[in-house]
Amino acid sequence: MHKKSLAFALTALLCSHAHAELSHSDSVNAGKTKTASCVSCHGEHGNSTMPMFPKLAGQNSVYIANQLKAFKSGERKDPMMATLAMTLTENDIVDIANYYADQKVTGEHEELFDTAEEKAEHEAMVKLGGDLYRNGDLKREVSACIACHGPHGEGNKPAGFPALKAQHANYLVKALTDFQTGKRANHPENMMHMIAGKMTEAEIKAVATRIATMKPEK
């Protein structure tokens, strides 16, 4: 009797796992259809080709869902995103988040420089940005990005911290500047306000440049 009960329990567990996998796959497929209106800004499969619009491919689903909810509620301000988010149901948000999380982010285009000076300036920015990303600046209480966003910009899904790797530098500069000025204030207690508020314009640009060079996984 005990063996039969154990066999039944194992069968139920395997069936439950298979159902979960099927449900996720169905959600991703549904999300692909529901992101049709997102392509113009965020690109095919979430890989935006326009530097001012973020790449969503490979972004963790918790972060995407949280941001869509914030746009829908008005906590995060953006007229275009608010209009789109208002039409989304809870299921829509889950499906869209799962779809983008399932995609592969592509890297930035190779940098081309007109002069050796431009190349040297870029390399210096990447070096400064890399130091700030890894170590921060303890004297000015600028926390290291690595603590929340990971050594390779992979983010932290359970905590809802976004992946940053291979993101557009221009978008990252805008995001950090918005945190700095308070324009992006859906979570006033968010540590990003405190960190960005203590960064210089040059440091923001340097960190953004370094993050943009982080290679996506193969």
C-alpha atoms as a PDB file:
ATOM      1  CA  MET A   1       0.000   0.000   0.000  1.00  0.00           C
ATOM      2  CA  HIS A   2       2.820   2.318   0.910  1.00  0.00           C
ATOM      3  CA  LYS A   3       4.537   1.655  -2.437  1.00  0.00           C
ATOM      4  CA  LYS A   4       1.336   2.434  -4.330  1.00  0.00           C
ATOM      5  CA  SER A   5       0.906   5.709  -2.448  1.00  0.00           C
ATOM      6  CA  LEU A   6       4.506   6.671  -3.160  1.00  0.00           C
ATOM      7  CA  ALA A   7       4.122   5.854  -6.850  1.00  0.00           C
ATOM      8  CA  PHE A   8       0.951   7.929  -7.031  1.00  0.00           C
ATOM      9  CA  ALA A   9       2.658  10.862  -5.314  1.00  0.00           C
ATOM     10  CA  LEU A  10       5.596  10.748  -7.724  1.00  0.00           C
ATOM     11  CA  THR A  11       3.283  10.555 -10.730  1.00  0.00           C
ATOM     12  CA  ALA A  12       1.285  13.531  -9.453  1.00  0.00           C
ATOM     13  CA  LEU A  13       4.484  15.507  -8.895  1.00  0.00           C
ATOM     14  CA  LEU A  14       5.743  14.799 -12.416  1.00  0.00           C
ATOM     15  CA  CYS A  15       2.388  15.703 -13.937  1.00  0.00           C
ATOM     16  CA  SER A  16       2.279  18.906 -11.915  1.00  0.00           C
ATOM     17  CA  HIS A  17       5.779  19.843 -13.137  1.00  0.00           C
ATOM     18  CA  ALA A  18       4.825  19.095 -16.750  1.00  0.00           C
ATOM     19  CA  HIS A  19       1.712  21.264 -16.364  1.00  0.00           C
ATOM     20  CA  ALA A  20       3.802  24.130 -14.962  1.00  0.00           C
ATOM     21  CA  GLU A  21       6.189  23.901 -17.910  1.00  0.00           C
ATOM     22  CA  LEU A  22       3.284  23.836 -20.346  1.00  0.00           C
ATOM     23  CA  SER A  23       1.676  26.806 -18.619  1.00  0.00           C
ATOM     24  CA  HIS A  24       4.895  28.835 -18.846  1.00  0.00           C
ATOM     25  CA  SER A  25       5.267  27.948 -22.518  1.00  0.00           C
ATOM     26  CA  ASP A  26       1.661  28.958 -23.162  1.00  0.00           C
ATOM     27  CA  SER A  27       2.231  32.217 -21.296  1.00  0.00           C
ATOM     28  CA  VAL A  28       5.333  33.014 -23.374  1.00  0.00           C
ATOM     29  CA  ASN A  29       3.449  32.305 -26.607  1.00  0.00           C
ATOM     30  CA  ALA A  30       0.557  34.481 -25.474  1.00  0.00           C
ATOM     31  CA  GLY A  31       3.013  37.218 -24.497  1.00  0.00           C
ATOM     32  CA  LYS A  32       4.517  37.231 -27.983  1.00  0.00           C
ATOM     33  CA  THR A  33       1.124  38.128 -29.445  1.00  0.00           C
ATOM     34  CA  LYS A  34       0.442  40.724 -26.753  1.00  0.00           C
ATOM     35  CA  THR A  35       3.729  42.559 -27.386  1.00  0.00           C
ATOM     36  CA  ALA A  36       2.878  43.415 -31.003  1.00  0.00           C
ATOM     37  CA  SER A  37       2.354  47.085 -30.088  1.00  0.00           C
ATOM     38  CA  CYS A  38       5.659  47.174 -28.173  1.00  0.00           C
ATOM     39  CA  VAL A  39       7.868  46.364 -31.174  1.00  0.00           C
ATOM     40  CA  SER A  40       7.973  49.905 -32.565  1.00  0.00           C
ATOM     41  CA  CYS A  41       9.859  51.150 -29.486  1.00  0.00           C
ATOM     42  CA  HIS A  42      11.367  48.066 -27.857  1.00  0.00           C
ATOM     43  CA  GLY A  43      12.279  46.198 -31.024  1.00  0.00           C
ATOM     44  CA  GLU A  44      11.827  42.693 -32.325  1.00  0.00           C
ATOM     45  CA  HIS A  45      11.952  40.203 -29.435  1.00  0.00           C
ATOM     46  CA  GLY A  46      12.627  43.080 -27.046  1.00  0.00           C
ATOM     47  CA  ASN A  47      15.943  44.148 -28.554  1.00  0.00           C
ATOM     48  CA  SER A  48      15.417  47.843 -29.116  1.00  0.00           C
ATOM     49  CA  THR A  49      17.552  49.411 -31.840  1.00  0.00           C
ATOM     50  CA  MET A  50      16.793  52.935 -30.629  1.00  0.00           C
ATOM     51  CA  PRO A  51      19.192  54.070 -27.860  1.00  0.00           C
ATOM     52  CA  MET A  52      16.555  55.976 -25.859  1.00  0.00           C
ATOM     53  CA  PHE A  53      14.229  52.968 -25.516  1.00  0.00           C
ATOM     54  CA  PRO A  54      15.348  50.126 -23.228  1.00  0.00           C
ATOM     55  CA  LYS A  55      15.986  46.577 -24.321  1.00  0.00           C
ATOM     56  CA  LEU A  56      13.546  44.242 -22.591  1.00  0.00           C
ATOM     57  CA  ALA A  57      14.912  40.938 -23.889  1.00  0.00           C
ATOM     58  CA  GLY A  58      16.325  38.823 -21.084  1.00  0.00           C
ATOM     59  CA  GLN A  59      14.995  41.163 -18.419  1.00  0.00           C
ATOM     60  CA  ASN A  60      13.699  39.327 -15.368  1.00  0.00           C
ATOM     61  CA  SER A  61       9.939  38.858 -15.319  1.00  0.00           C
ATOM     62  CA  VAL A  62       9.488  40.209 -11.779  1.00  0.00           C
ATOM     63  CA  TYR A  63      11.000  43.571 -12.722  1.00  0.00           C
ATOM     64  CA  ILE A  64       8.995  43.885 -15.957  1.00  0.00           C
ATOM     65  CA  ALA A  65       5.743  43.017 -14.203  1.00  0.00           C
ATOM     66  CA  ASN A  66       6.430  45.508 -11.401  1.00  0.00           C
ATOM     67  CA  GLN A  67       7.150  48.321 -13.859  1.00  0.00           C
ATOM     68  CA  LEU A  68       4.044  47.631 -15.948  1.00  0.00           C
ATOM     69  CA  LYS A  69       1.945  47.706 -12.769  1.00  0.00           C
ATOM     70  CA  ALA A  70       3.574  50.987 -11.765  1.00  0.00           C
ATOM     71  CA  PHE A  71       2.825  52.526 -15.170  1.00  0.00           C
ATOM     72  CA  LYS A  72      -0.767  51.270 -14.960  1.00  0.00           C
ATOM     73  CA  SER A  73      -1.338  52.681 -11.469  1.00  0.00           C
ATOM     74  CA  GLY A  74       0.336  55.985 -12.296  1.00  0.00           C
ATOM     75  CA  GLU A  75       3.100  55.477  -9.732  1.00  0.00           C
ATOM     76  CA  ARG A  76       5.628  55.632 -12.546  1.00  0.00           C
ATOM     77  CA  LYS A  77       5.039  58.505 -14.934  1.00  0.00           C
ATOM     78  CA  ASP A  78       5.226  58.153 -18.701  1.00  0.00           C
ATOM     79  CA  PRO A  79       2.279  59.172 -20.899  1.00  0.00           C
ATOM     80  CA  MET A  80       2.914  56.589 -23.630  1.00  0.00           C
ATOM     81  CA  MET A  81       3.547  53.670 -21.283  1.00  0.00           C
ATOM     82  CA  ALA A  82       0.652  54.646 -19.021  1.00  0.00           C
ATOM     83  CA  THR A  83      -1.756  54.617 -21.960  1.00  0.00           C
ATOM     84  CA  LEU A  84      -0.606  51.147 -23.018  1.00  0.00           C
ATOM     85  CA  ALA A  85      -0.436  49.716 -19.486  1.00  0.00           C
ATOM     86  CA  MET A  86      -3.960  50.868 -18.650  1.00  0.00           C
ATOM     87  CA  THR A  87      -5.328  48.348 -21.161  1.00  0.00           C
ATOM     88  CA  LEU A  88      -3.472  45.385 -19.643  1.00  0.00           C
ATOM     89  CA  THR A  89      -5.025  42.781 -17.370  1.00  0.00           C
ATOM     90  CA  GLU A  90      -3.064  40.922 -14.670  1.00  0.00           C
ATOM     91  CA  ASN A  91      -2.723  37.962 -17.045  1.00  0.00           C
ATOM     92  CA  ASP A  92      -1.517  40.222 -19.842  1.00  0.00           C
ATOM     93  CA  ILE A  93       1.222  41.597 -17.582  1.00  0.00           C
ATOM     94  CA  VAL A  94       2.360  38.099 -16.588  1.00  0.00           C
ATOM     95  CA  ASP A  95       2.406  36.910 -20.207  1.00  0.00           C
ATOM     96  CA  ILE A  96       4.320  39.947 -21.471  1.00  0.00           C
ATOM     97  CA  ALA A  97       6.834  39.681 -18.623  1.00  0.00           C
ATOM     98  CA  ASN A  98       7.368  35.966 -19.281  1.00  0.00           C
ATOM     99  CA  TYR A  99       7.794  36.519 -23.007  1.00  0.00           C
ATOM    100  CA  TYR A 100      10.481  39.177 -22.680  1.00  0.00           C
ATOM    101  CA  ALA A 101      12.283  37.269 -19.920  1.00  0.00           C
ATOM    102  CA  ASP A 102      12.465  34.277 -22.273  1.00  0.00           C
ATOM    103  CA  GLN A 103      14.209  36.224 -25.059  1.00  0.00           C
ATOM    104  CA  LYS A 104      17.960  36.655 -25.561  1.00  0.00           C
ATOM    105  CA  VAL A 105      19.395  40.148 -25.275  1.00  0.00           C
ATOM    106  CA  THR A 106      21.805  41.178 -28.006  1.00  0.00           C
ATOM    107  CA  GLY A 107      24.962  43.226 -27.490  1.00  0.00           C
ATOM    108  CA  GLU A 108      25.660  46.786 -28.511  1.00  0.00           C
ATOM    109  CA  HIS A 109      27.143  47.468 -31.939  1.00  0.00           C
ATOM    110  CA  GLU A 110      30.896  47.703 -31.998  1.00  0.00           C
ATOM    111  CA  GLU A 111      32.094  51.207 -31.224  1.00  0.00           C
ATOM    112  CA  LEU A 112      33.702  53.060 -34.124  1.00  0.00           C
ATOM    113  CA  PHE A 113      35.986  56.010 -33.476  1.00  0.00           C
ATOM    114  CA  ASP A 114      37.125  58.770 -35.799  1.00  0.00           C
ATOM    115  CA  THR A 115      40.316  59.474 -33.882  1.00  0.00           C
ATOM    116  CA  ALA A 116      42.664  57.797 -31.419  1.00  0.00           C
ATOM    117  CA  GLU A 117      41.711  60.472 -28.885  1.00  0.00           C
ATOM    118  CA  GLU A 118      38.039  59.465 -29.069  1.00  0.00           C
ATOM    119  CA  LYS A 119      38.962  55.822 -28.568  1.00  0.00           C
ATOM    120  CA  ALA A 120      41.174  56.675 -25.585  1.00  0.00           C
ATOM    121  CA  GLU A 121      38.393  58.776 -24.036  1.00  0.00           C
ATOM    122  CA  HIS A 122      35.929  55.911 -24.444  1.00  0.00           C
ATOM    123  CA  GLU A 123      38.340  53.422 -22.866  1.00  0.00           C
ATOM    124  CA  ALA A 124      38.929  55.774 -19.935  1.00  0.00           C
ATOM    125  CA  MET A 125      35.169  56.063 -19.406  1.00  0.00           C
ATOM    126  CA  VAL A 126      34.763  52.295 -19.473  1.00  0.00           C
ATOM    127  CA  LYS A 127      37.546  51.952 -16.907  1.00  0.00           C
ATOM    128  CA  LEU A 128      36.021  54.573 -14.575  1.00  0.00           C
ATOM    129  CA  GLY A 129      32.567  53.068 -15.010  1.00  0.00           C
ATOM    130  CA  GLY A 130      33.892  49.589 -14.300  1.00  0.00           C
ATOM    131  CA  ASP A 131      35.530  50.758 -11.070  1.00  0.00           C
ATOM    132  CA  LEU A 132      32.317  52.431  -9.905  1.00  0.00           C
ATOM    133  CA  TYR A 133      30.249  49.411 -10.901  1.00  0.00           C
ATOM    134  CA  ARG A 134      32.458  47.024  -8.915  1.00  0.00           C
ATOM    135  CA  ASN A 135      33.529  49.176  -5.988  1.00  0.00           C
ATOM    136  CA  GLY A 136      31.349  52.275  -5.778  1.00  0.00           C
ATOM    137  CA  ASP A 137      32.734  55.256  -3.860  1.00  0.00           C
ATOM    138  CA  LEU A 138      32.640  54.687  -0.105  1.00  0.00           C
ATOM    139  CA  LYS A 139      33.705  58.237   0.745  1.00  0.00           C
ATOM    140  CA  ARG A 140      30.629  59.676  -0.973  1.00  0.00           C
ATOM    141  CA  GLU A 141      28.369  56.738  -0.093  1.00  0.00           C
ATOM    142  CA  VAL A 142      27.893  55.715  -3.712  1.00  0.00           C
ATOM    143  CA  SER A 143      27.120  52.003  -3.506  1.00  0.00           C
ATOM    144  CA  ALA A 144      28.648  49.534  -5.951  1.00  0.00           C
ATOM    145  CA  CYS A 145      26.218  48.479  -8.690  1.00  0.00           C
ATOM    146  CA  ILE A 146      27.438  44.889  -8.420  1.00  0.00           C
ATOM    147  CA  ALA A 147      25.705  44.447  -5.054  1.00  0.00           C
ATOM    148  CA  CYS A 148      22.219  44.528  -6.586  1.00  0.00           C
ATOM    149  CA  HIS A 149      22.763  44.014 -10.306  1.00  0.00           C
ATOM    150  CA  GLY A 150      25.350  41.229 -10.172  1.00  0.00           C
ATOM    151  CA  PRO A 151      28.931  40.924 -11.436  1.00  0.00           C
ATOM    152  CA  HIS A 152      27.815  40.575 -15.047  1.00  0.00           C
ATOM    153  CA  GLY A 153      24.759  42.824 -14.959  1.00  0.00           C
ATOM    154  CA  GLU A 154      22.425  39.846 -14.652  1.00  0.00           C
ATOM    155  CA  GLY A 155      20.235  41.437 -11.973  1.00  0.00           C
ATOM    156  CA  ASN A 156      18.440  39.667  -9.129  1.00  0.00           C
ATOM    157  CA  LYS A 157      15.047  38.200  -9.992  1.00  0.00           C
ATOM    158  CA  PRO A 158      13.828  37.302  -6.449  1.00  0.00           C
ATOM    159  CA  ALA A 159      14.556  40.857  -5.286  1.00  0.00           C
ATOM    160  CA  GLY A 160      13.158  42.387  -8.478  1.00  0.00           C
ATOM    161  CA  PHE A 161      16.445  44.130  -9.326  1.00  0.00           C
ATOM    162  CA  PRO A 162      16.753  44.545 -13.102  1.00  0.00           C
ATOM    163  CA  ALA A 163      19.310  43.014 -15.410  1.00  0.00           C
ATOM    164  CA  LEU A 164      21.496  45.719 -16.965  1.00  0.00           C
ATOM    165  CA  LYS A 165      23.917  43.876 -19.256  1.00  0.00           C
ATOM    166  CA  ALA A 166      24.158  45.177 -22.822  1.00  0.00           C
ATOM    167  CA  GLN A 167      21.550  47.870 -22.149  1.00  0.00           C
ATOM    168  CA  HIS A 168      21.733  51.053 -24.233  1.00  0.00           C
ATOM    169  CA  ALA A 169      24.066  53.597 -22.637  1.00  0.00           C
ATOM    170  CA  ASN A 170      21.771  56.483 -23.605  1.00  0.00           C
ATOM    171  CA  TYR A 171      18.814  54.884 -21.863  1.00  0.00           C
ATOM    172  CA  LEU A 172      20.875  54.180 -18.736  1.00  0.00           C
ATOM    173  CA  VAL A 173      22.031  57.804 -18.596  1.00  0.00           C
ATOM    174  CA  LYS A 174      18.396  58.912 -18.821  1.00  0.00           C
ATOM    175  CA  ALA A 175      17.295  56.444 -16.124  1.00  0.00           C
ATOM    176  CA  LEU A 176      20.053  57.477 -13.702  1.00  0.00           C
ATOM    177  CA  THR A 177      19.419  61.164 -14.377  1.00  0.00           C
ATOM    178  CA  ASP A 178      15.689  60.664 -13.766  1.00  0.00           C
ATOM    179  CA  PHE A 179      16.474  59.006 -10.428  1.00  0.00           C
ATOM    180  CA  GLN A 180      18.862  61.854  -9.611  1.00  0.00           C
ATOM    181  CA  THR A 181      16.361  64.603 -10.335  1.00  0.00           C
ATOM    182  CA  GLY A 182      13.369  62.788  -8.855  1.00  0.00           C
ATOM    183  CA  LYS A 183      11.560  62.579 -12.184  1.00  0.00           C
ATOM    184  CA  ARG A 184      11.436  58.830 -11.716  1.00  0.00           C
ATOM    185  CA  ALA A 185       9.942  58.612  -8.262  1.00  0.00           C
ATOM    186  CA  ASN A 186       7.486  55.716  -8.154  1.00  0.00           C
ATOM    187  CA  HIS A 187       9.447  54.390  -5.159  1.00  0.00           C
ATOM    188  CA  PRO A 188      10.800  57.372  -3.165  1.00  0.00           C
ATOM    189  CA  GLU A 189      12.532  55.018  -0.728  1.00  0.00           C
ATOM    190  CA  ASN A 190      14.371  53.290  -3.591  1.00  0.00           C
ATOM    191  CA  MET A 191      18.126  53.310  -3.013  1.00  0.00           C
ATOM    192  CA  MET A 192      18.651  54.402  -6.629  1.00  0.00           C
ATOM    193  CA  HIS A 193      17.553  57.919  -5.693  1.00  0.00           C
ATOM    194  CA  MET A 194      20.220  58.084  -2.999  1.00  0.00           C
ATOM    195  CA  ILE A 195      22.940  56.587  -5.189  1.00  0.00           C
ATOM    196  CA  ALA A 196      22.245  58.587  -8.354  1.00  0.00           C
ATOM    197  CA  GLY A 197      21.843  61.765  -6.311  1.00  0.00           C
ATOM    198  CA  LYS A 198      25.488  61.561  -5.263  1.00  0.00           C
ATOM    199  CA  MET A 199      26.893  60.788  -8.715  1.00  0.00           C
ATOM    200  CA  THR A 200      28.372  63.359 -11.070  1.00  0.00           C
ATOM    201  CA  GLU A 201      27.274  63.678 -14.683  1.00  0.00           C
ATOM    202  CA  ALA A 202      30.613  62.180 -15.771  1.00  0.00           C
ATOM    203  CA  GLU A 203      30.186  59.210 -13.434  1.00  0.00           C
ATOM    204  CA  ILE A 204      26.680  58.517 -14.694  1.00  0.00           C
ATOM    205  CA  LYS A 205      27.923  58.516 -18.274  1.00  0.00           C
ATOM    206  CA  ALA A 206      30.892  56.308 -17.358  1.00  0.00           C
ATOM    207  CA  VAL A 207      28.810  53.678 -15.562  1.00  0.00           C
ATOM    208  CA  ALA A 208      26.279  53.639 -18.409  1.00  0.00           C
ATOM    209  CA  THR A 209      29.075  53.215 -20.951  1.00  0.00           C
ATOM    210  CA  ARG A 210      30.595  50.323 -19.004  1.00  0.00           C
ATOM    211  CA  ILE A 211      27.264  48.519 -18.597  1.00  0.00           C
ATOM    212  CA  ALA A 212      26.561  48.834 -22.309  1.00  0.00           C
ATOM    213  CA  THR A 213      29.799  46.916 -23.025  1.00  0.00           C
ATOM    214  CA  MET A 214      28.796  43.952 -20.848  1.00  0.00           C
ATOM    215  CA  LYS A 215      28.423  41.019 -23.163  1.00  0.00           C
ATOM    216  CA  PRO A 216      25.182  39.053 -23.138  1.00  0.00           C
ATOM    217  CA  GLU A 217      25.336  35.295 -22.572  1.00  0.00           C
ATOM    218  CA  LYS A 218      25.946  33.191 -25.649  1.00  0.00           C
END
